[in-house]
Amino acid sequence: MSRRHPLRTPLPLLCCGALALSLTGCTGPDLDRADYLDGKVAVLYYSSGFWSSLTKGYVVFVDEDGGIEHVATEGMQYESMAYNGTDLMFHEVHSSRIVGPGAALFDRENEEYGAVIGGSLPDGTLYTVFNTGDDGSGYTSSVNWYDGETLGTASVRSEVRQAGTAPDGTLYLTGVPDVWEGEEHSLTVSSVRLEAEITPEPLAEWTVHEDDTHMGGLTVHDGHVYQLGYSKLAEGIDEQEIGLRLTDVDLSDGSVEHHPVATYYDDYFTYHDGIEPPAGKARLPSAERAIRYGDRRTRLIGGLLYYVDGNGQVYRFDTATGEATEHFTVDPRAAGSDEVHTAWSGEELHLFFRSFDDEDDATLQTYDAASGEMTAELAVSGLKSLPMDLRGLGLYDFLPLTGQA
């Protein structure tokens, strides 16, 4: 059971001393204010991840003028937040915080170090999925959700890779087996309901390569689940290539169809750095860039599924015809930056990118999905003031706060 603190509970009492203040950054914003998110346009999550013995994270709020406020978090190796257009949820190792009208701080009994994906159900319930690890009896993941009053938690016996929701509130998850044999294994999509005891119902499975990367939440539409990923098993590629493909699961019978979207010269997974790609082949960015271009890079708008690849190319997939086409390309400065994330809100694509040549050179852009035109741009300043060398941090999540993510 989780325990909810009353509103205006102060941030951790370690803030009492000057040393603790310098370590935690607890002089930050008052997140217990119900109106705290008013005037905020985006939120970023930075973490020192697995590469630091003292894991530190920062939740950074960007206001409409491009200024920032941040709060330190403890212990999270990576993080995925959740937003429903009103309230924001993020976590620490032993607690979960709600920012917005439902402002609250919950103690959790389950100890977690990183959420892989977050989102909201149609009724506004916020959820995130943690990969907990092997407890000795097999790999487990946990789902945490906030229904406006309480924080619920339940376990899943699987390593979860992606999540997505259906209009009826069903949560769909992709998971991989506890033990892999060889370079290939199965990926399973299952459905669950957010209840005290979660029992996943397997619906379909297909073969994936150990080097495949799965990005973007699952998209559920008209009886189908769509999953986007880079695959070494995609149709028509050779051993030095990787294909971007969209997997279509028909929920009526569990059949699976793969739609090839694009092929890239794969200089990361085949370790051929420095070799130029063949004519007509785009170079796939590094694995980190390809993955961290955004775990929120898909959006369904009017029967069309929009998604962004690791080079900033936006594709549009027609769910009725099964055809994918190039639609538009985001600002080329993003592809050459050190940090870049995308996320959707309503019918708009939001893009954040930043260069380490000037640690305070960061940009937020907004694109209209239908036209592909950039409709807004905002310079973000103050990130270099975070109390840690940013080269020791990774940007693990980005959410626009201008509509339901």
Protein backbone atom coordinates (compact mmCIF):
# COMPACT_ATOMS: atom_id res chain seq x y z
CA MET A 1 0.00 0.00 0.00
CA SER A 2 1.15 3.52 -0.69
CA ARG A 3 0.76 6.37 1.76
CA ARG A 4 -0.34 9.79 0.61
CA HIS A 5 1.17 12.83 2.30
CA PRO A 6 -0.96 15.92 2.93
CA LEU A 7 -0.48 18.85 0.57
CA ARG A 8 2.46 21.17 1.12
CA THR A 9 4.61 18.40 2.51
CA PRO A 10 8.16 19.81 2.30
CA LEU A 11 10.76 18.17 0.11
CA PRO A 12 13.11 15.73 1.95
CA LEU A 13 14.23 16.96 5.36
CA LEU A 14 17.83 16.64 4.30
CA CYS A 15 17.38 20.19 3.06
CA CYS A 16 17.88 21.39 6.63
CA GLY A 17 21.64 21.73 6.43
CA ALA A 18 23.76 23.74 4.04
CA LEU A 19 25.63 20.66 2.88
CA ALA A 20 22.41 18.81 2.15
CA LEU A 21 21.08 21.84 0.33
CA SER A 22 24.08 21.85 -1.96
CA LEU A 23 23.73 18.14 -2.65
CA THR A 24 20.01 17.91 -3.25
CA GLY A 25 19.06 21.22 -4.76
CA CYS A 26 15.99 21.27 -2.49
CA THR A 27 15.72 25.06 -2.69
CA GLY A 28 13.80 24.52 -5.92
CA PRO A 29 10.13 25.09 -6.77
CA ASP A 30 7.18 24.46 -4.49
CA LEU A 31 5.69 21.43 -6.21
CA ASP A 32 2.87 21.21 -3.64
CA ARG A 33 1.20 24.25 -5.16
CA ALA A 34 -1.90 23.11 -7.05
CA ASP A 35 -1.23 25.78 -9.69
CA TYR A 36 2.48 25.08 -10.07
CA LEU A 37 2.20 23.92 -13.70
CA ASP A 38 0.44 27.12 -14.78
CA GLY A 39 2.66 28.86 -17.33
CA LYS A 40 4.92 25.81 -17.77
CA VAL A 41 5.29 24.54 -21.34
CA ALA A 42 7.57 21.51 -20.96
CA VAL A 43 9.31 19.24 -18.47
CA LEU A 44 12.67 17.43 -18.87
CA TYR A 45 14.16 14.59 -16.85
CA TYR A 46 17.96 14.35 -16.52
CA SER A 47 19.78 11.53 -14.77
CA SER A 48 23.35 10.39 -14.23
CA GLY A 49 22.03 6.93 -15.09
CA PHE A 50 24.06 3.74 -14.74
CA TRP A 51 27.39 5.50 -15.20
CA SER A 52 27.64 7.13 -11.78
CA SER A 53 28.07 5.54 -8.37
CA LEU A 54 25.96 8.37 -6.90
CA THR A 55 22.87 8.47 -9.08
CA LYS A 56 21.33 11.91 -9.29
CA GLY A 57 18.43 13.20 -11.31
CA TYR A 58 16.79 16.54 -12.05
CA VAL A 59 13.25 17.32 -13.10
CA VAL A 60 13.44 20.56 -15.09
CA PHE A 61 10.36 22.70 -15.73
CA VAL A 62 10.44 25.13 -18.67
CA ASP A 63 8.22 28.21 -18.51
CA GLU A 64 6.62 30.09 -21.39
CA ASP A 65 9.50 32.58 -21.50
CA GLY A 66 12.15 29.84 -21.83
CA GLY A 67 13.39 30.06 -18.24
CA ILE A 68 13.71 26.97 -16.04
CA GLU A 69 13.19 25.73 -12.51
CA HIS A 70 14.48 22.38 -11.35
CA VAL A 71 14.17 19.94 -8.47
CA ALA A 72 16.65 17.19 -7.61
CA THR A 73 15.57 13.56 -7.42
CA GLU A 74 17.31 10.70 -5.66
CA GLY A 75 18.45 7.41 -7.01
CA MET A 76 16.70 7.08 -10.37
CA GLN A 77 18.95 5.62 -13.05
CA TYR A 78 16.52 6.67 -15.76
CA GLU A 79 12.97 7.88 -15.73
CA SER A 80 9.82 8.18 -17.78
CA MET A 81 7.14 10.56 -16.57
CA ALA A 82 3.39 10.64 -17.18
CA TYR A 83 1.06 13.57 -17.95
CA ASN A 84 -2.67 13.73 -18.65
CA GLY A 85 -3.09 17.39 -19.55
CA THR A 86 -3.61 18.36 -15.90
CA ASP A 87 -1.31 16.43 -13.55
CA LEU A 88 2.27 15.23 -13.94
CA MET A 89 3.71 12.14 -12.23
CA PHE A 90 7.39 11.39 -11.65
CA HIS A 91 9.23 9.06 -9.28
CA GLU A 92 12.11 8.58 -6.92
CA VAL A 93 13.37 5.26 -5.55
CA HIS A 94 10.84 5.08 -2.71
CA SER A 95 8.24 7.70 -3.62
CA SER A 96 6.03 9.04 -6.40
CA ARG A 97 5.06 12.67 -6.79
CA ILE A 98 2.03 14.25 -8.43
CA VAL A 99 2.48 17.84 -9.63
CA GLY A 100 -0.59 19.90 -10.54
CA PRO A 101 -4.12 20.22 -9.13
CA GLY A 102 -3.81 16.74 -7.58
CA ALA A 103 -0.50 17.63 -5.88
CA ALA A 104 0.60 14.81 -3.57
CA LEU A 105 3.61 12.78 -2.49
CA PHE A 106 3.23 9.01 -2.08
CA ASP A 107 5.55 6.64 -0.24
CA ARG A 108 5.98 3.35 -2.12
CA GLU A 109 6.81 -0.02 -0.66
CA ASN A 110 8.35 -1.19 -3.93
CA GLU A 111 11.88 0.05 -4.56
CA GLU A 112 12.43 1.12 -8.18
CA TYR A 113 15.31 2.70 -10.10
CA GLY A 114 13.86 3.59 -13.47
CA ALA A 115 10.64 3.71 -15.47
CA VAL A 116 10.74 2.68 -19.13
CA ILE A 117 7.53 4.28 -20.36
CA GLY A 118 4.74 6.44 -19.01
CA GLY A 119 1.35 7.60 -20.23
CA SER A 120 -2.30 8.08 -19.31
CA LEU A 121 -5.52 6.15 -19.76
CA PRO A 122 -8.51 7.79 -21.49
CA ASP A 123 -10.01 8.62 -18.07
CA GLY A 124 -6.85 10.52 -17.07
CA THR A 125 -5.29 7.77 -14.91
CA LEU A 126 -1.51 8.19 -15.01
CA TYR A 127 0.73 5.13 -15.31
CA THR A 128 4.40 4.24 -15.61
CA VAL A 129 6.11 0.88 -16.08
CA PHE A 130 9.29 -0.06 -14.20
CA ASN A 131 11.64 -2.90 -15.11
CA THR A 132 12.45 -4.19 -11.65
CA GLY A 133 14.89 -6.96 -12.54
CA ASP A 134 15.36 -10.59 -11.56
CA ASP A 135 14.28 -11.30 -7.98
CA GLY A 136 15.63 -14.86 -8.10
CA SER A 137 12.43 -16.39 -9.41
CA GLY A 138 12.36 -14.64 -12.76
CA TYR A 139 12.29 -11.17 -14.27
CA THR A 140 9.60 -8.79 -13.02
CA SER A 141 8.30 -5.39 -13.97
CA SER A 142 5.87 -3.24 -12.04
CA VAL A 143 3.14 -0.87 -13.11
CA ASN A 144 2.36 2.16 -10.96
CA TRP A 145 -0.76 4.22 -11.57
CA TYR A 146 -2.49 7.25 -10.07
CA ASP A 147 -6.28 7.47 -10.45
CA GLY A 148 -6.71 10.94 -8.99
CA GLU A 149 -6.86 9.70 -5.41
CA THR A 150 -4.53 6.79 -4.74
CA LEU A 151 -1.34 5.25 -6.12
CA GLY A 152 -1.68 1.62 -7.20
CA THR A 153 1.11 -0.86 -7.84
CA ALA A 154 1.13 -4.35 -9.36
CA SER A 155 3.79 -6.71 -10.74
CA VAL A 156 4.20 -8.37 -14.14
CA ARG A 157 6.40 -11.44 -14.69
CA SER A 158 8.20 -10.08 -17.73
CA GLU A 159 10.70 -7.51 -18.90
CA VAL A 160 8.39 -4.87 -20.37
CA ARG A 161 9.61 -2.91 -23.38
CA GLN A 162 6.60 -0.78 -24.38
CA ALA A 163 3.12 0.16 -23.28
CA GLY A 164 0.01 1.72 -24.79
CA THR A 165 -3.67 2.09 -24.02
CA ALA A 166 -6.93 1.40 -25.82
CA PRO A 167 -10.00 3.66 -25.73
CA ASP A 168 -11.68 1.26 -23.26
CA GLY A 169 -8.82 1.69 -20.76
CA THR A 170 -7.05 -1.62 -21.47
CA LEU A 171 -3.28 -1.38 -21.12
CA TYR A 172 -1.17 -3.25 -23.69
CA LEU A 173 2.44 -4.26 -22.96
CA THR A 174 5.24 -5.83 -24.99
CA GLY A 175 7.58 -8.10 -23.07
CA VAL A 176 10.51 -10.45 -23.65
CA PRO A 177 11.24 -13.81 -21.98
CA ASP A 178 13.43 -14.23 -18.92
CA VAL A 179 16.04 -16.26 -20.79
CA TRP A 180 17.29 -15.63 -24.31
CA GLU A 181 18.83 -18.40 -26.38
CA GLY A 182 20.97 -17.30 -29.29
CA GLU A 183 20.57 -13.98 -31.09
CA GLU A 184 16.82 -14.21 -31.55
CA HIS A 185 13.90 -14.48 -29.16
CA SER A 186 10.18 -13.75 -29.03
CA LEU A 187 8.46 -10.48 -28.24
CA THR A 188 4.96 -10.85 -26.82
CA VAL A 189 2.15 -8.32 -26.71
CA SER A 190 -0.31 -8.78 -23.84
CA SER A 191 -3.32 -6.94 -22.46
CA VAL A 192 -3.88 -6.08 -18.78
CA ARG A 193 -6.31 -4.14 -16.65
CA LEU A 194 -4.94 -1.89 -13.92
CA GLU A 195 -6.03 -3.79 -10.84
CA ALA A 196 -4.39 -4.90 -7.58
CA GLU A 197 -3.40 -8.19 -9.22
CA ILE A 198 -2.36 -7.91 -12.87
CA THR A 199 -2.72 -11.00 -15.04
CA PRO A 200 -1.40 -10.34 -18.56
CA GLU A 201 -3.30 -12.05 -21.36
CA PRO A 202 -0.85 -12.90 -24.20
CA LEU A 203 -2.33 -11.94 -27.56
CA ALA A 204 0.45 -12.41 -30.13
CA GLU A 205 4.18 -12.89 -30.47
CA TRP A 206 6.87 -12.56 -33.12
CA THR A 207 10.60 -13.03 -33.46
CA VAL A 208 13.02 -10.18 -32.82
CA HIS A 209 16.82 -9.92 -32.89
CA GLU A 210 18.77 -9.21 -29.71
CA ASP A 211 20.02 -5.95 -31.30
CA ASP A 212 16.55 -4.69 -32.20
CA THR A 213 15.47 -1.43 -30.58
CA HIS A 214 11.84 -0.71 -29.81
CA MET A 215 10.79 2.89 -29.45
CA GLY A 216 7.63 4.83 -29.00
CA GLY A 217 4.66 3.65 -27.00
CA LEU A 218 2.31 1.09 -28.47
CA THR A 219 -0.51 2.59 -30.52
CA VAL A 220 -3.93 0.93 -30.28
CA HIS A 221 -6.51 1.70 -32.96
CA ASP A 222 -9.58 -0.01 -34.39
CA GLY A 223 -8.74 -3.48 -33.10
CA HIS A 224 -5.03 -3.31 -33.91
CA VAL A 225 -1.84 -2.70 -31.91
CA TYR A 226 1.02 -0.96 -33.74
CA GLN A 227 4.62 -1.29 -32.62
CA LEU A 228 7.53 0.66 -34.09
CA GLY A 229 11.16 -0.47 -34.00
CA TYR A 230 14.53 -0.84 -35.67
CA SER A 231 14.96 -4.48 -36.65
CA LYS A 232 17.85 -6.62 -37.84
CA LEU A 233 15.18 -8.99 -39.17
CA ALA A 234 13.34 -6.42 -41.27
CA GLU A 235 12.50 -7.36 -44.82
CA GLY A 236 15.10 -6.66 -47.51
CA ILE A 237 18.13 -5.74 -45.40
CA ASP A 238 21.62 -7.25 -45.31
CA GLU A 239 23.93 -7.86 -42.36
CA GLN A 240 25.27 -4.28 -42.35
CA GLU A 241 21.85 -2.69 -42.37
CA ILE A 242 18.92 -2.24 -40.04
CA GLY A 243 15.32 -1.59 -41.02
CA LEU A 244 12.72 0.64 -39.47
CA ARG A 245 9.50 -1.36 -39.47
CA LEU A 246 6.01 -1.04 -38.10
CA THR A 247 4.49 -4.21 -36.66
CA ASP A 248 0.70 -4.56 -36.90
CA VAL A 249 -1.03 -6.97 -34.49
CA ASP A 250 -4.65 -7.81 -35.34
CA LEU A 251 -6.35 -8.27 -31.96
CA SER A 252 -9.19 -10.30 -33.46
CA ASP A 253 -7.00 -13.28 -34.30
CA GLY A 254 -3.46 -12.48 -33.06
CA SER A 255 -2.01 -12.35 -36.56
CA VAL A 256 1.11 -10.24 -37.05
CA GLU A 257 2.16 -8.27 -40.12
CA HIS A 258 5.39 -6.30 -40.54
CA HIS A 259 5.42 -3.16 -42.68
CA PRO A 260 8.90 -2.05 -43.84
CA VAL A 261 9.33 1.72 -43.61
CA ALA A 262 13.00 2.57 -44.25
CA THR A 263 16.43 0.94 -44.42
CA TYR A 264 19.59 2.41 -42.91
CA TYR A 265 23.26 1.62 -43.09
CA ASP A 266 23.81 0.32 -39.58
CA ASP A 267 27.28 1.47 -38.55
CA TYR A 268 26.53 1.08 -34.86
CA PHE A 269 25.30 -2.46 -34.44
CA THR A 270 27.78 -3.88 -36.95
CA TYR A 271 30.70 -1.87 -35.51
CA HIS A 272 31.80 -0.37 -38.82
CA ASP A 273 32.28 3.19 -37.61
CA GLY A 274 33.94 5.40 -40.17
CA ILE A 275 32.76 3.45 -43.21
CA GLU A 276 30.56 5.50 -45.48
CA PRO A 277 27.12 4.08 -46.19
CA PRO A 278 26.32 2.74 -49.66
CA ALA A 279 24.75 5.14 -52.13
CA GLY A 280 21.15 5.88 -51.30
CA LYS A 281 21.40 4.59 -47.72
CA ALA A 282 21.04 6.94 -44.78
CA ARG A 283 23.34 6.36 -41.84
CA LEU A 284 21.49 5.38 -38.69
CA PRO A 285 22.65 7.53 -35.78
CA SER A 286 24.32 5.92 -32.82
CA ALA A 287 22.17 3.58 -30.76
CA GLU A 288 21.82 6.22 -28.06
CA ARG A 289 20.64 8.82 -30.55
CA ALA A 290 18.37 6.39 -32.35
CA ILE A 291 16.71 5.35 -29.11
CA ARG A 292 16.80 8.64 -27.24
CA TYR A 293 15.41 10.61 -30.13
CA GLY A 294 12.32 9.91 -28.11
CA ASP A 295 10.38 7.09 -26.54
CA ARG A 296 7.30 9.18 -27.36
CA ARG A 297 7.76 9.47 -31.08
CA THR A 298 4.44 8.02 -32.31
CA ARG A 299 1.01 9.64 -32.57
CA LEU A 300 -2.31 8.56 -34.07
CA ILE A 301 -4.25 11.39 -35.70
CA GLY A 302 -7.40 10.65 -37.70
CA GLY A 303 -6.41 7.11 -38.69
CA LEU A 304 -2.88 8.18 -39.64
CA LEU A 305 0.04 7.09 -37.50
CA TYR A 306 2.86 9.65 -37.35
CA TYR A 307 6.35 8.76 -36.14
CA VAL A 308 9.89 10.15 -36.17
CA ASP A 309 13.04 8.20 -37.00
CA GLY A 310 16.52 8.76 -35.55
CA ASN A 311 17.39 11.27 -38.25
CA GLY A 312 14.42 13.58 -37.67
CA GLN A 313 12.40 12.30 -40.64
CA VAL A 314 8.67 12.20 -39.91
CA TYR A 315 6.71 9.38 -41.55
CA ARG A 316 2.99 8.95 -41.91
CA PHE A 317 1.40 5.49 -41.93
CA ASP A 318 -2.12 4.97 -43.25
CA THR A 319 -3.75 2.34 -41.02
CA ALA A 320 -6.38 1.64 -43.69
CA THR A 321 -4.00 0.94 -46.59
CA GLY A 322 -0.86 -0.15 -44.70
CA GLU A 323 1.29 2.35 -46.64
CA ALA A 324 4.02 4.48 -45.09
CA THR A 325 5.26 7.71 -46.68
CA GLU A 326 7.82 10.37 -45.82
CA HIS A 327 5.98 13.46 -44.60
CA PHE A 328 8.42 16.15 -43.40
CA THR A 329 11.81 16.61 -41.72
CA VAL A 330 12.43 18.53 -38.52
CA ASP A 331 15.07 21.25 -38.13
CA PRO A 332 18.41 19.78 -39.31
CA ARG A 333 20.13 21.40 -36.31
CA ALA A 334 18.45 18.76 -34.14
CA ALA A 335 20.12 15.85 -35.93
CA GLY A 336 23.54 17.35 -35.24
CA SER A 337 22.88 18.23 -31.60
CA ASP A 338 24.07 16.45 -28.47
CA GLU A 339 20.62 15.99 -26.97
CA VAL A 340 17.40 15.56 -28.89
CA HIS A 341 13.95 14.32 -27.90
CA THR A 342 10.55 14.39 -29.55
CA ALA A 343 7.06 14.08 -28.09
CA TRP A 344 3.52 14.55 -29.34
CA SER A 345 0.67 16.54 -27.86
CA GLY A 346 -2.70 16.77 -29.58
CA GLU A 347 -1.96 17.22 -33.29
CA GLU A 348 1.46 18.76 -32.74
CA LEU A 349 5.00 17.40 -32.67
CA HIS A 350 7.27 18.96 -30.06
CA LEU A 351 11.04 18.87 -30.43
CA PHE A 352 13.75 19.66 -27.88
CA PHE A 353 17.43 19.80 -28.84
CA ARG A 354 20.61 21.11 -27.27
CA SER A 355 24.31 21.49 -28.07
CA PHE A 356 27.14 21.01 -25.60
CA ASP A 357 29.29 23.56 -27.46
CA ASP A 358 27.20 26.13 -25.63
CA GLU A 359 25.58 24.47 -22.62
CA ASP A 360 22.89 27.13 -22.53
CA ASP A 361 21.96 26.75 -26.21
CA ALA A 362 18.70 24.77 -26.10
CA THR A 363 15.62 25.01 -28.27
CA LEU A 364 11.97 23.95 -28.12
CA GLN A 365 10.08 23.75 -31.40
CA THR A 366 6.48 22.89 -32.31
CA TYR A 367 5.34 21.44 -35.66
CA ASP A 368 1.84 21.05 -37.04
CA ALA A 369 1.35 17.37 -37.92
CA ALA A 370 -0.85 17.87 -40.96
CA SER A 371 1.25 20.53 -42.70
CA GLY A 372 4.69 19.73 -41.30
CA GLU A 373 5.26 23.44 -40.70
CA MET A 374 7.05 24.72 -37.61
CA THR A 375 4.54 26.86 -35.70
CA ALA A 376 6.57 27.92 -32.64
CA GLU A 377 10.15 28.14 -31.42
CA LEU A 378 11.43 28.94 -27.94
CA ALA A 379 15.01 29.40 -26.73
CA VAL A 380 15.52 27.64 -23.38
CA SER A 381 18.10 29.11 -21.02
CA GLY A 382 19.51 28.13 -17.64
CA LEU A 383 20.31 24.44 -18.11
CA LYS A 384 23.99 25.05 -17.50
CA SER A 385 23.05 26.11 -13.96
CA LEU A 386 22.14 22.56 -12.93
CA PRO A 387 24.50 21.59 -10.08
CA MET A 388 26.30 18.90 -12.05
CA ASP A 389 28.40 18.83 -15.18
CA LEU A 390 25.74 18.05 -17.79
CA ARG A 391 28.14 15.78 -19.66
CA GLY A 392 27.63 13.41 -16.73
CA LEU A 393 23.87 13.49 -17.22
CA GLY A 394 21.57 12.01 -19.80
CA LEU A 395 18.24 13.38 -20.97
CA TYR A 396 15.83 10.51 -20.38
CA ASP A 397 12.44 12.08 -20.93
CA PHE A 398 10.76 15.14 -22.38
CA LEU A 399 7.09 16.06 -22.19
CA PRO A 400 5.23 19.08 -23.56
CA LEU A 401 2.79 20.50 -21.02
CA THR A 402 0.52 22.12 -23.58
CA GLY A 403 -2.04 19.32 -23.91
CA GLN A 404 -2.47 15.63 -23.14
CA ALA A 405 0.71 13.78 -24.01
